[in-house]
Amino acid sequence: MSCHSRTNGVLFEIPLLFRHCMRQPLSVLVRLSNVARLLTSVGGFGVMLTSISCTSPVAVPSSLGADVAAVRANANAGDPRAQFNLGYAYYLGRGVPQNDAQAVTWYRQAAEQGDAVAQSTLGYAYLDGQGVLQDDVEAHKWFNLAVSRASAENRKAYAKARDALAARITPQQLAESQKLAQEWHAAFDARQ
């Protein structure tokens, strides 16, 4: 999912997975205001939010409740798209009880298989401390991995999230994040 915002008449994309667009509409405004403050502090310019629209790139059917057994079977069989969708279902509480920790468990399984959307979503989970302890180093690592594996369409949005976070963490945290991402790539390549 990505959210788009009109700021001072200019449309820009705020990446991801503002999952809040689906589950907690008011927290979108809080999250966007946090992004606006971050942009102001990083770029030295003011941002005025004037409109918000959200879209979802993931195929989580509205009838997932009826299909959750099939999605779970595919997820348990190792299908990364099904793992992500099951995680998203847990995040939304659609067809399963709402549970952020369970959502992260399924996102991680898909992310470990190299799914860029799951990696970005896991980055946001760590950034927000949703279902996991808040950890900027882990958030940056997962954004960095998402950028390296994403389609051209999503790469730019993931890079913006990664770069905005990089601007506010210490050089030591950035180096640690990059080291963790390199280690992940080496382990992933060895599994292939």
N, C-alpha and C. Protein backbone atom coordinates (compact mmCIF):
# COMPACT_ATOMS: atom_id res chain seq x y z
N MET A 1 0.85 -1.15 0.00
CA MET A 1 0.00 0.00 0.00
C MET A 1 0.90 1.21 0.00
N SER A 2 0.46 2.24 -0.62
CA SER A 2 1.19 3.49 -0.51
C SER A 2 0.15 4.58 -0.31
N CYS A 3 0.59 5.64 0.30
CA CYS A 3 -0.30 6.78 0.47
C CYS A 3 0.29 7.91 -0.35
N HIS A 4 -0.58 8.65 -0.94
CA HIS A 4 -0.17 9.80 -1.71
C HIS A 4 -0.72 11.02 -1.01
N SER A 5 0.05 12.08 -0.99
CA SER A 5 -0.40 13.28 -0.32
C SER A 5 -0.15 14.48 -1.20
N ARG A 6 -1.07 15.41 -1.17
CA ARG A 6 -0.87 16.68 -1.84
C ARG A 6 -0.29 17.64 -0.82
N THR A 7 0.87 18.16 -1.13
CA THR A 7 1.50 19.11 -0.23
C THR A 7 1.78 20.38 -0.99
N ASN A 8 1.25 21.46 -0.50
CA ASN A 8 1.45 22.75 -1.15
C ASN A 8 1.21 22.64 -2.66
N GLY A 9 0.20 21.84 -3.04
CA GLY A 9 -0.14 21.71 -4.44
C GLY A 9 0.69 20.71 -5.21
N VAL A 10 1.68 20.06 -4.59
CA VAL A 10 2.54 19.10 -5.27
C VAL A 10 2.21 17.71 -4.76
N LEU A 11 1.98 16.79 -5.69
CA LEU A 11 1.67 15.41 -5.30
C LEU A 11 2.98 14.67 -5.07
N PHE A 12 3.10 14.01 -3.90
CA PHE A 12 4.25 13.15 -3.68
C PHE A 12 3.79 11.88 -3.00
N GLU A 13 4.56 10.82 -3.20
CA GLU A 13 4.19 9.53 -2.64
C GLU A 13 4.90 9.32 -1.32
N ILE A 14 4.13 8.93 -0.33
CA ILE A 14 4.70 8.53 0.95
C ILE A 14 4.58 7.02 0.96
N PRO A 15 5.71 6.30 0.87
CA PRO A 15 5.65 4.88 0.63
C PRO A 15 5.08 4.12 1.79
N LEU A 16 4.66 3.13 1.50
CA LEU A 16 4.09 1.97 2.04
C LEU A 16 3.21 1.84 2.53
N LEU A 17 3.28 1.49 2.78
CA LEU A 17 2.51 0.60 3.51
C LEU A 17 2.03 1.33 4.71
N PHE A 18 1.40 2.40 4.41
CA PHE A 18 0.68 3.01 5.49
C PHE A 18 -0.51 2.12 5.68
N ARG A 19 -0.23 1.04 6.33
CA ARG A 19 -1.26 0.06 6.61
C ARG A 19 -2.38 0.75 7.36
N HIS A 20 -2.05 1.86 8.01
CA HIS A 20 -3.04 2.59 8.79
C HIS A 20 -4.20 3.07 7.92
N CYS A 21 -3.95 3.26 6.63
CA CYS A 21 -5.02 3.71 5.75
C CYS A 21 -6.19 2.73 5.82
N MET A 22 -5.88 1.45 5.98
CA MET A 22 -6.91 0.43 6.00
C MET A 22 -7.51 0.27 7.40
N ARG A 23 -6.69 0.26 8.44
CA ARG A 23 -7.16 -0.14 9.74
C ARG A 23 -7.41 1.02 10.68
N GLN A 24 -6.60 2.04 10.61
CA GLN A 24 -6.70 3.13 11.57
C GLN A 24 -6.62 4.46 10.83
N PRO A 25 -7.70 4.88 10.22
CA PRO A 25 -7.64 6.07 9.38
C PRO A 25 -7.09 7.31 10.08
N LEU A 26 -7.40 7.51 11.34
CA LEU A 26 -6.91 8.71 12.00
C LEU A 26 -5.40 8.69 12.19
N SER A 27 -4.83 7.51 12.37
CA SER A 27 -3.39 7.48 12.57
C SER A 27 -2.63 7.77 11.28
N VAL A 28 -3.30 7.70 10.12
CA VAL A 28 -2.66 8.15 8.89
C VAL A 28 -2.27 9.61 9.03
N LEU A 29 -3.18 10.40 9.57
CA LEU A 29 -2.89 11.81 9.74
C LEU A 29 -1.73 12.03 10.68
N VAL A 30 -1.66 11.25 11.75
CA VAL A 30 -0.54 11.35 12.68
C VAL A 30 0.74 10.96 11.98
N ARG A 31 0.71 9.82 11.24
CA ARG A 31 1.90 9.33 10.56
C ARG A 31 2.35 10.33 9.49
N LEU A 32 1.41 10.87 8.73
CA LEU A 32 1.77 11.84 7.71
C LEU A 32 2.35 13.10 8.33
N SER A 33 1.81 13.52 9.48
CA SER A 33 2.38 14.70 10.11
C SER A 33 3.79 14.40 10.61
N ASN A 34 4.05 13.16 11.05
CA ASN A 34 5.42 12.79 11.44
C ASN A 34 6.35 12.83 10.24
N VAL A 35 5.88 12.33 9.09
CA VAL A 35 6.68 12.38 7.87
C VAL A 35 6.93 13.83 7.48
N ALA A 36 5.90 14.66 7.59
CA ALA A 36 6.06 16.07 7.26
C ALA A 36 7.12 16.72 8.15
N ARG A 37 7.08 16.41 9.45
CA ARG A 37 8.11 16.95 10.35
C ARG A 37 9.49 16.45 9.96
N LEU A 38 9.58 15.14 9.61
CA LEU A 38 10.86 14.59 9.19
C LEU A 38 11.35 15.28 7.93
N LEU A 39 10.46 15.46 6.95
CA LEU A 39 10.85 16.14 5.72
C LEU A 39 11.30 17.57 6.00
N THR A 40 10.60 18.23 6.91
CA THR A 40 10.97 19.59 7.26
C THR A 40 12.36 19.63 7.88
N SER A 41 12.64 18.68 8.80
CA SER A 41 13.93 18.69 9.47
C SER A 41 15.05 18.27 8.53
N VAL A 42 14.76 17.36 7.59
CA VAL A 42 15.79 16.89 6.68
C VAL A 42 16.02 17.87 5.54
N GLY A 43 14.92 18.33 4.94
CA GLY A 43 15.05 19.15 3.74
C GLY A 43 15.03 20.64 3.99
N GLY A 44 14.68 21.05 5.20
CA GLY A 44 14.66 22.46 5.50
C GLY A 44 13.51 23.20 4.83
N PHE A 45 12.43 22.49 4.49
CA PHE A 45 11.30 23.17 3.88
C PHE A 45 10.03 22.78 4.59
N GLY A 46 9.04 23.63 4.50
CA GLY A 46 7.77 23.36 5.16
C GLY A 46 6.87 22.53 4.27
N VAL A 47 6.06 21.71 4.89
CA VAL A 47 5.14 20.87 4.16
C VAL A 47 3.75 21.05 4.75
N MET A 48 2.78 21.33 3.91
CA MET A 48 1.41 21.43 4.38
C MET A 48 0.60 20.34 3.71
N LEU A 49 0.04 19.43 4.50
CA LEU A 49 -0.76 18.35 3.95
C LEU A 49 -2.15 18.87 3.64
N THR A 50 -2.60 18.64 2.41
CA THR A 50 -3.93 19.12 2.04
C THR A 50 -4.88 18.01 1.63
N SER A 51 -4.35 16.83 1.25
CA SER A 51 -5.25 15.72 0.93
C SER A 51 -4.48 14.41 1.02
N ILE A 52 -5.22 13.32 1.20
CA ILE A 52 -4.62 12.01 1.33
C ILE A 52 -5.45 11.02 0.54
N SER A 53 -4.79 10.13 -0.18
CA SER A 53 -5.50 9.01 -0.79
C SER A 53 -4.61 7.78 -0.64
N CYS A 54 -5.22 6.62 -0.53
CA CYS A 54 -4.46 5.39 -0.29
C CYS A 54 -4.87 4.32 -1.27
N THR A 55 -3.89 3.52 -1.66
CA THR A 55 -4.14 2.36 -2.50
C THR A 55 -3.34 1.20 -1.94
N SER A 56 -3.75 -0.01 -2.25
CA SER A 56 -3.06 -1.19 -1.75
C SER A 56 -2.55 -2.03 -2.91
N PRO A 57 -1.24 -2.38 -2.94
CA PRO A 57 -0.70 -3.19 -4.02
C PRO A 57 -0.84 -4.68 -3.74
N VAL A 58 -1.41 -5.03 -2.61
CA VAL A 58 -1.46 -6.42 -2.24
C VAL A 58 -2.85 -6.97 -2.46
N ALA A 59 -2.91 -8.21 -2.78
CA ALA A 59 -4.19 -8.85 -3.09
C ALA A 59 -4.74 -9.53 -1.85
N VAL A 60 -5.26 -8.75 -0.94
CA VAL A 60 -5.93 -9.32 0.22
C VAL A 60 -7.41 -9.16 -0.04
N PRO A 61 -8.05 -10.24 -0.50
CA PRO A 61 -9.46 -10.11 -0.86
C PRO A 61 -10.33 -9.76 0.33
N SER A 62 -11.39 -9.01 0.08
CA SER A 62 -12.29 -8.63 1.16
C SER A 62 -12.97 -9.85 1.75
N SER A 63 -13.02 -10.94 1.01
CA SER A 63 -13.64 -12.17 1.50
C SER A 63 -12.60 -13.12 2.09
N LEU A 64 -11.47 -12.62 2.52
CA LEU A 64 -10.41 -13.49 3.00
C LEU A 64 -10.88 -14.42 4.10
N GLY A 65 -11.86 -14.01 4.87
CA GLY A 65 -12.37 -14.87 5.93
C GLY A 65 -12.75 -16.24 5.40
N ALA A 66 -13.37 -16.28 4.24
CA ALA A 66 -13.77 -17.55 3.65
C ALA A 66 -12.58 -18.29 3.06
N ASP A 67 -11.56 -17.57 2.66
CA ASP A 67 -10.41 -18.15 1.99
C ASP A 67 -9.20 -18.35 2.90
N VAL A 68 -9.30 -18.00 4.16
CA VAL A 68 -8.14 -18.01 5.03
C VAL A 68 -7.50 -19.39 5.15
N ALA A 69 -8.30 -20.45 5.10
CA ALA A 69 -7.74 -21.80 5.19
C ALA A 69 -6.83 -22.09 3.99
N ALA A 70 -7.25 -21.67 2.81
CA ALA A 70 -6.44 -21.88 1.61
C ALA A 70 -5.18 -21.03 1.65
N VAL A 71 -5.33 -19.78 2.07
CA VAL A 71 -4.16 -18.89 2.18
C VAL A 71 -3.18 -19.46 3.20
N ARG A 72 -3.70 -19.91 4.34
CA ARG A 72 -2.83 -20.48 5.38
C ARG A 72 -2.11 -21.73 4.87
N ALA A 73 -2.82 -22.58 4.14
CA ALA A 73 -2.19 -23.79 3.59
C ALA A 73 -1.05 -23.42 2.65
N ASN A 74 -1.29 -22.44 1.78
CA ASN A 74 -0.23 -21.98 0.86
C ASN A 74 0.92 -21.32 1.63
N ALA A 75 0.59 -20.56 2.65
CA ALA A 75 1.63 -19.92 3.47
C ALA A 75 2.48 -20.98 4.17
N ASN A 76 1.82 -21.97 4.74
CA ASN A 76 2.56 -23.05 5.41
C ASN A 76 3.40 -23.86 4.44
N ALA A 77 2.99 -23.88 3.16
CA ALA A 77 3.75 -24.59 2.13
C ALA A 77 4.93 -23.76 1.63
N GLY A 78 5.06 -22.52 2.13
CA GLY A 78 6.22 -21.69 1.78
C GLY A 78 6.00 -20.65 0.71
N ASP A 79 4.78 -20.42 0.28
CA ASP A 79 4.48 -19.41 -0.74
C ASP A 79 4.62 -18.02 -0.12
N PRO A 80 5.62 -17.24 -0.55
CA PRO A 80 5.84 -15.94 0.09
C PRO A 80 4.67 -14.96 -0.08
N ARG A 81 3.97 -15.00 -1.23
CA ARG A 81 2.83 -14.09 -1.41
C ARG A 81 1.72 -14.46 -0.43
N ALA A 82 1.49 -15.76 -0.25
CA ALA A 82 0.47 -16.21 0.72
C ALA A 82 0.90 -15.86 2.14
N GLN A 83 2.19 -15.97 2.43
CA GLN A 83 2.69 -15.61 3.76
C GLN A 83 2.45 -14.13 4.03
N PHE A 84 2.76 -13.30 3.03
CA PHE A 84 2.52 -11.87 3.21
C PHE A 84 1.03 -11.61 3.38
N ASN A 85 0.20 -12.21 2.54
CA ASN A 85 -1.24 -11.97 2.62
C ASN A 85 -1.81 -12.43 3.95
N LEU A 86 -1.31 -13.54 4.49
CA LEU A 86 -1.78 -14.00 5.79
C LEU A 86 -1.35 -13.01 6.88
N GLY A 87 -0.12 -12.51 6.77
CA GLY A 87 0.33 -11.48 7.71
C GLY A 87 -0.55 -10.24 7.63
N TYR A 88 -0.89 -9.84 6.43
CA TYR A 88 -1.72 -8.66 6.24
C TYR A 88 -3.12 -8.89 6.80
N ALA A 89 -3.60 -10.12 6.64
CA ALA A 89 -4.91 -10.48 7.22
C ALA A 89 -4.86 -10.35 8.74
N TYR A 90 -3.77 -10.81 9.36
CA TYR A 90 -3.63 -10.66 10.81
C TYR A 90 -3.53 -9.18 11.20
N TYR A 91 -2.83 -8.42 10.39
CA TYR A 91 -2.73 -6.98 10.68
C TYR A 91 -4.11 -6.33 10.69
N LEU A 92 -4.92 -6.68 9.68
CA LEU A 92 -6.25 -6.07 9.56
C LEU A 92 -7.29 -6.74 10.44
N GLY A 93 -7.03 -7.98 10.85
CA GLY A 93 -8.05 -8.75 11.55
C GLY A 93 -9.12 -9.23 10.59
N ARG A 94 -8.74 -9.53 9.37
CA ARG A 94 -9.69 -9.97 8.34
C ARG A 94 -9.62 -11.49 8.19
N GLY A 95 -10.63 -12.17 8.70
CA GLY A 95 -10.69 -13.63 8.62
C GLY A 95 -9.94 -14.34 9.73
N VAL A 96 -9.18 -13.58 10.49
CA VAL A 96 -8.42 -14.09 11.64
C VAL A 96 -8.47 -13.01 12.71
N PRO A 97 -8.18 -13.37 13.97
CA PRO A 97 -8.14 -12.31 15.00
C PRO A 97 -7.02 -11.31 14.69
N GLN A 98 -7.28 -10.03 14.90
CA GLN A 98 -6.25 -9.01 14.68
C GLN A 98 -5.10 -9.26 15.65
N ASN A 99 -3.86 -9.33 15.10
CA ASN A 99 -2.70 -9.64 15.93
C ASN A 99 -1.44 -9.16 15.21
N ASP A 100 -0.89 -8.04 15.67
CA ASP A 100 0.29 -7.46 15.01
C ASP A 100 1.51 -8.38 15.08
N ALA A 101 1.69 -9.07 16.20
CA ALA A 101 2.84 -9.97 16.34
C ALA A 101 2.75 -11.12 15.33
N GLN A 102 1.54 -11.68 15.15
CA GLN A 102 1.35 -12.74 14.14
C GLN A 102 1.58 -12.19 12.75
N ALA A 103 1.13 -10.97 12.51
CA ALA A 103 1.36 -10.34 11.20
C ALA A 103 2.85 -10.28 10.91
N VAL A 104 3.63 -9.83 11.88
CA VAL A 104 5.07 -9.72 11.70
C VAL A 104 5.70 -11.09 11.46
N THR A 105 5.23 -12.10 12.15
CA THR A 105 5.75 -13.46 11.95
C THR A 105 5.62 -13.89 10.49
N TRP A 106 4.45 -13.65 9.92
CA TRP A 106 4.22 -14.04 8.52
C TRP A 106 4.96 -13.11 7.56
N TYR A 107 5.01 -11.81 7.84
CA TYR A 107 5.79 -10.89 7.00
C TYR A 107 7.24 -11.35 6.95
N ARG A 108 7.78 -11.71 8.13
CA ARG A 108 9.19 -12.11 8.20
C ARG A 108 9.45 -13.34 7.34
N GLN A 109 8.53 -14.32 7.37
CA GLN A 109 8.73 -15.52 6.56
C GLN A 109 8.79 -15.18 5.08
N ALA A 110 7.92 -14.29 4.63
CA ALA A 110 7.95 -13.86 3.23
C ALA A 110 9.20 -13.03 2.95
N ALA A 111 9.56 -12.15 3.88
CA ALA A 111 10.73 -11.29 3.70
C ALA A 111 12.01 -12.12 3.61
N GLU A 112 12.10 -13.16 4.41
CA GLU A 112 13.30 -14.01 4.39
C GLU A 112 13.45 -14.74 3.06
N GLN A 113 12.36 -14.86 2.32
CA GLN A 113 12.42 -15.48 0.98
C GLN A 113 12.68 -14.44 -0.10
N GLY A 114 12.88 -13.19 0.30
CA GLY A 114 13.24 -12.16 -0.66
C GLY A 114 12.08 -11.35 -1.19
N ASP A 115 10.90 -11.46 -0.60
CA ASP A 115 9.74 -10.68 -1.06
C ASP A 115 9.92 -9.22 -0.64
N ALA A 116 10.08 -8.34 -1.62
CA ALA A 116 10.38 -6.93 -1.35
C ALA A 116 9.24 -6.21 -0.63
N VAL A 117 7.99 -6.52 -0.97
CA VAL A 117 6.87 -5.88 -0.29
C VAL A 117 6.87 -6.27 1.19
N ALA A 118 7.11 -7.55 1.46
CA ALA A 118 7.18 -8.01 2.85
C ALA A 118 8.36 -7.36 3.57
N GLN A 119 9.48 -7.22 2.89
CA GLN A 119 10.65 -6.59 3.50
C GLN A 119 10.35 -5.14 3.87
N SER A 120 9.71 -4.41 2.97
CA SER A 120 9.35 -3.03 3.25
C SER A 120 8.36 -2.96 4.40
N THR A 121 7.38 -3.85 4.39
CA THR A 121 6.38 -3.87 5.45
C THR A 121 7.03 -4.16 6.80
N LEU A 122 7.99 -5.08 6.80
CA LEU A 122 8.73 -5.38 8.03
C LEU A 122 9.53 -4.15 8.47
N GLY A 123 10.08 -3.41 7.51
CA GLY A 123 10.76 -2.16 7.84
C GLY A 123 9.85 -1.19 8.56
N TYR A 124 8.63 -1.05 8.06
CA TYR A 124 7.68 -0.16 8.74
C TYR A 124 7.27 -0.68 10.10
N ALA A 125 7.16 -2.01 10.24
CA ALA A 125 6.83 -2.57 11.54
C ALA A 125 7.90 -2.21 12.56
N TYR A 126 9.17 -2.33 12.17
CA TYR A 126 10.26 -1.95 13.07
C TYR A 126 10.31 -0.44 13.29
N LEU A 127 10.04 0.32 12.26
CA LEU A 127 10.05 1.77 12.39
C LEU A 127 8.99 2.24 13.39
N ASP A 128 7.80 1.61 13.31
CA ASP A 128 6.68 2.01 14.17
C ASP A 128 6.62 1.24 15.48
N GLY A 129 7.40 0.16 15.60
CA GLY A 129 7.27 -0.68 16.78
C GLY A 129 5.93 -1.38 16.83
N GLN A 130 5.46 -1.82 15.69
CA GLN A 130 4.14 -2.45 15.60
C GLN A 130 4.32 -3.96 15.43
N GLY A 131 4.06 -4.70 16.51
CA GLY A 131 4.23 -6.15 16.49
C GLY A 131 5.64 -6.59 16.84
N VAL A 132 6.55 -5.64 16.94
CA VAL A 132 7.95 -5.86 17.33
C VAL A 132 8.40 -4.65 18.14
N LEU A 133 9.53 -4.79 18.81
CA LEU A 133 10.11 -3.62 19.47
C LEU A 133 10.60 -2.65 18.42
N GLN A 134 10.40 -1.37 18.62
CA GLN A 134 10.86 -0.35 17.69
C GLN A 134 12.38 -0.44 17.58
N ASP A 135 12.90 -0.44 16.34
CA ASP A 135 14.34 -0.59 16.12
C ASP A 135 14.69 0.04 14.77
N ASP A 136 15.31 1.21 14.82
CA ASP A 136 15.65 1.92 13.59
C ASP A 136 16.68 1.17 12.74
N VAL A 137 17.61 0.46 13.38
CA VAL A 137 18.62 -0.30 12.63
C VAL A 137 17.95 -1.40 11.82
N GLU A 138 17.07 -2.16 12.47
CA GLU A 138 16.34 -3.22 11.76
C GLU A 138 15.43 -2.63 10.68
N ALA A 139 14.78 -1.52 10.99
CA ALA A 139 13.92 -0.88 10.00
C ALA A 139 14.73 -0.51 8.75
N HIS A 140 15.87 0.12 8.96
CA HIS A 140 16.71 0.52 7.83
C HIS A 140 17.19 -0.70 7.06
N LYS A 141 17.59 -1.75 7.77
CA LYS A 141 18.04 -2.97 7.11
C LYS A 141 16.96 -3.49 6.16
N TRP A 142 15.73 -3.61 6.66
CA TRP A 142 14.66 -4.17 5.83
C TRP A 142 14.30 -3.25 4.68
N PHE A 143 14.32 -1.92 4.89
CA PHE A 143 14.09 -1.00 3.78
C PHE A 143 15.18 -1.16 2.73
N ASN A 144 16.43 -1.27 3.19
CA ASN A 144 17.57 -1.42 2.29
C ASN A 144 17.41 -2.69 1.46
N LEU A 145 17.02 -3.79 2.10
CA LEU A 145 16.80 -5.04 1.38
C LEU A 145 15.65 -4.91 0.39
N ALA A 146 14.59 -4.23 0.79
CA ALA A 146 13.45 -4.04 -0.11
C ALA A 146 13.87 -3.28 -1.35
N VAL A 147 14.68 -2.25 -1.17
CA VAL A 147 15.17 -1.47 -2.32
C VAL A 147 15.94 -2.37 -3.27
N SER A 148 16.77 -3.25 -2.73
CA SER A 148 17.62 -4.09 -3.58
C SER A 148 16.83 -5.16 -4.32
N ARG A 149 15.63 -5.48 -3.89
CA ARG A 149 14.86 -6.57 -4.48
C ARG A 149 13.57 -6.10 -5.15
N ALA A 150 13.25 -4.83 -5.05
CA ALA A 150 11.95 -4.32 -5.51
C ALA A 150 11.89 -4.14 -7.02
N SER A 151 10.67 -4.11 -7.50
CA SER A 151 10.43 -3.74 -8.89
C SER A 151 10.79 -2.26 -9.05
N ALA A 152 11.01 -1.85 -10.27
CA ALA A 152 11.34 -0.45 -10.52
C ALA A 152 10.25 0.47 -9.99
N GLU A 153 9.00 0.02 -10.08
CA GLU A 153 7.86 0.82 -9.63
C GLU A 153 7.94 1.10 -8.12
N ASN A 154 8.32 0.11 -7.35
CA ASN A 154 8.35 0.27 -5.89
C ASN A 154 9.70 0.72 -5.35
N ARG A 155 10.76 0.52 -6.10
CA ARG A 155 12.11 0.81 -5.62
C ARG A 155 12.25 2.26 -5.15
N LYS A 156 11.70 3.17 -5.90
CA LYS A 156 11.84 4.59 -5.57
C LYS A 156 11.16 4.91 -4.23
N ALA A 157 9.98 4.37 -4.02
CA ALA A 157 9.26 4.61 -2.76
C ALA A 157 10.01 4.01 -1.58
N TYR A 158 10.52 2.80 -1.75
CA TYR A 158 11.26 2.16 -0.66
C TYR A 158 12.55 2.92 -0.36
N ALA A 159 13.19 3.41 -1.42
CA ALA A 159 14.43 4.17 -1.24
C ALA A 159 14.16 5.47 -0.47
N LYS A 160 13.03 6.10 -0.74
CA LYS A 160 12.69 7.33 0.00
C LYS A 160 12.54 7.05 1.48
N ALA A 161 11.87 5.95 1.81
CA ALA A 161 11.70 5.59 3.23
C ALA A 161 13.04 5.29 3.86
N ARG A 162 13.87 4.51 3.15
CA ARG A 162 15.20 4.17 3.67
C ARG A 162 16.05 5.42 3.86
N ASP A 163 16.05 6.29 2.88
CA ASP A 163 16.91 7.48 2.94
C ASP A 163 16.44 8.47 4.01
N ALA A 164 15.13 8.59 4.18
CA ALA A 164 14.62 9.47 5.24
C ALA A 164 15.04 8.96 6.61
N LEU A 165 14.99 7.65 6.79
CA LEU A 165 15.42 7.06 8.06
C LEU A 165 16.93 7.21 8.22
N ALA A 166 17.69 7.00 7.16
CA ALA A 166 19.15 7.13 7.23
C ALA A 166 19.57 8.53 7.66
N ALA A 167 18.77 9.52 7.29
CA ALA A 167 19.10 10.91 7.64
C ALA A 167 18.94 11.19 9.12
N ARG A 168 18.20 10.34 9.84
CA ARG A 168 17.99 10.63 11.25
C ARG A 168 18.64 9.63 12.21
N ILE A 169 19.33 8.61 11.68
CA ILE A 169 20.04 7.69 12.57
C ILE A 169 21.52 8.05 12.58
N THR A 170 22.23 7.53 13.55
CA THR A 170 23.66 7.86 13.68
C THR A 170 24.46 7.12 12.61
N PRO A 171 25.66 7.60 12.33
CA PRO A 171 26.52 6.88 11.38
C PRO A 171 26.80 5.43 11.82
N GLN A 172 26.91 5.22 13.12
CA GLN A 172 27.15 3.87 13.63
C GLN A 172 25.93 2.97 13.37
N GLN A 173 24.73 3.51 13.58
CA GLN A 173 23.52 2.74 13.31
C GLN A 173 23.40 2.43 11.82
N LEU A 174 23.74 3.40 10.99
CA LEU A 174 23.69 3.20 9.54
C LEU A 174 24.67 2.10 9.12
N ALA A 175 25.88 2.15 9.66
CA ALA A 175 26.89 1.13 9.33
C ALA A 175 26.43 -0.25 9.78
N GLU A 176 25.85 -0.34 10.97
CA GLU A 176 25.35 -1.61 11.48
C GLU A 176 24.23 -2.14 10.59
N SER A 177 23.32 -1.26 10.18
CA SER A 177 22.22 -1.66 9.31
C SER A 177 22.74 -2.19 7.98
N GLN A 178 23.69 -1.50 7.41
CA GLN A 178 24.26 -1.93 6.13
C GLN A 178 24.98 -3.26 6.27
N LYS A 179 25.67 -3.45 7.38
CA LYS A 179 26.35 -4.72 7.64
C LYS A 179 25.33 -5.86 7.74
N LEU A 180 24.25 -5.62 8.47
CA LEU A 180 23.20 -6.63 8.61
C LEU A 180 22.57 -6.97 7.25
N ALA A 181 22.36 -5.96 6.43
CA ALA A 181 21.79 -6.20 5.09
C ALA A 181 22.76 -7.03 4.24
N GLN A 182 24.05 -6.72 4.30
CA GLN A 182 25.03 -7.51 3.55
C GLN A 182 25.06 -8.95 4.03
N GLU A 183 24.99 -9.15 5.35
CA GLU A 183 24.97 -10.51 5.90
C GLU A 183 23.71 -11.25 5.43
N TRP A 184 22.58 -10.54 5.39
CA TRP A 184 21.35 -11.17 4.93
C TRP A 184 21.51 -11.61 3.48
N HIS A 185 22.07 -10.72 2.63
CA HIS A 185 22.26 -11.05 1.21
C HIS A 185 23.16 -12.28 1.06
N ALA A 186 24.24 -12.34 1.84
CA ALA A 186 25.15 -13.49 1.74
C ALA A 186 24.44 -14.78 2.14
N ALA A 187 23.68 -14.74 3.21
CA ALA A 187 22.93 -15.92 3.66
C ALA A 187 21.87 -16.30 2.64
N PHE A 188 21.19 -15.32 2.09
CA PHE A 188 20.14 -15.58 1.09
C PHE A 188 20.77 -16.24 -0.15
N ASP A 189 21.87 -15.67 -0.62
CA ASP A 189 22.54 -16.22 -1.81
C ASP A 189 23.00 -17.65 -1.55
N ALA A 190 23.47 -17.95 -0.34
CA ALA A 190 23.92 -19.30 -0.01
C ALA A 190 22.76 -20.29 -0.01
N ARG A 191 21.55 -19.82 0.32
CA ARG A 191 20.37 -20.71 0.34
C ARG A 191 19.86 -21.01 -1.07
N GLN A 192 20.21 -20.15 -2.01
CA GLN A 192 19.67 -20.32 -3.38
C GLN A 192 20.37 -21.40 -4.15
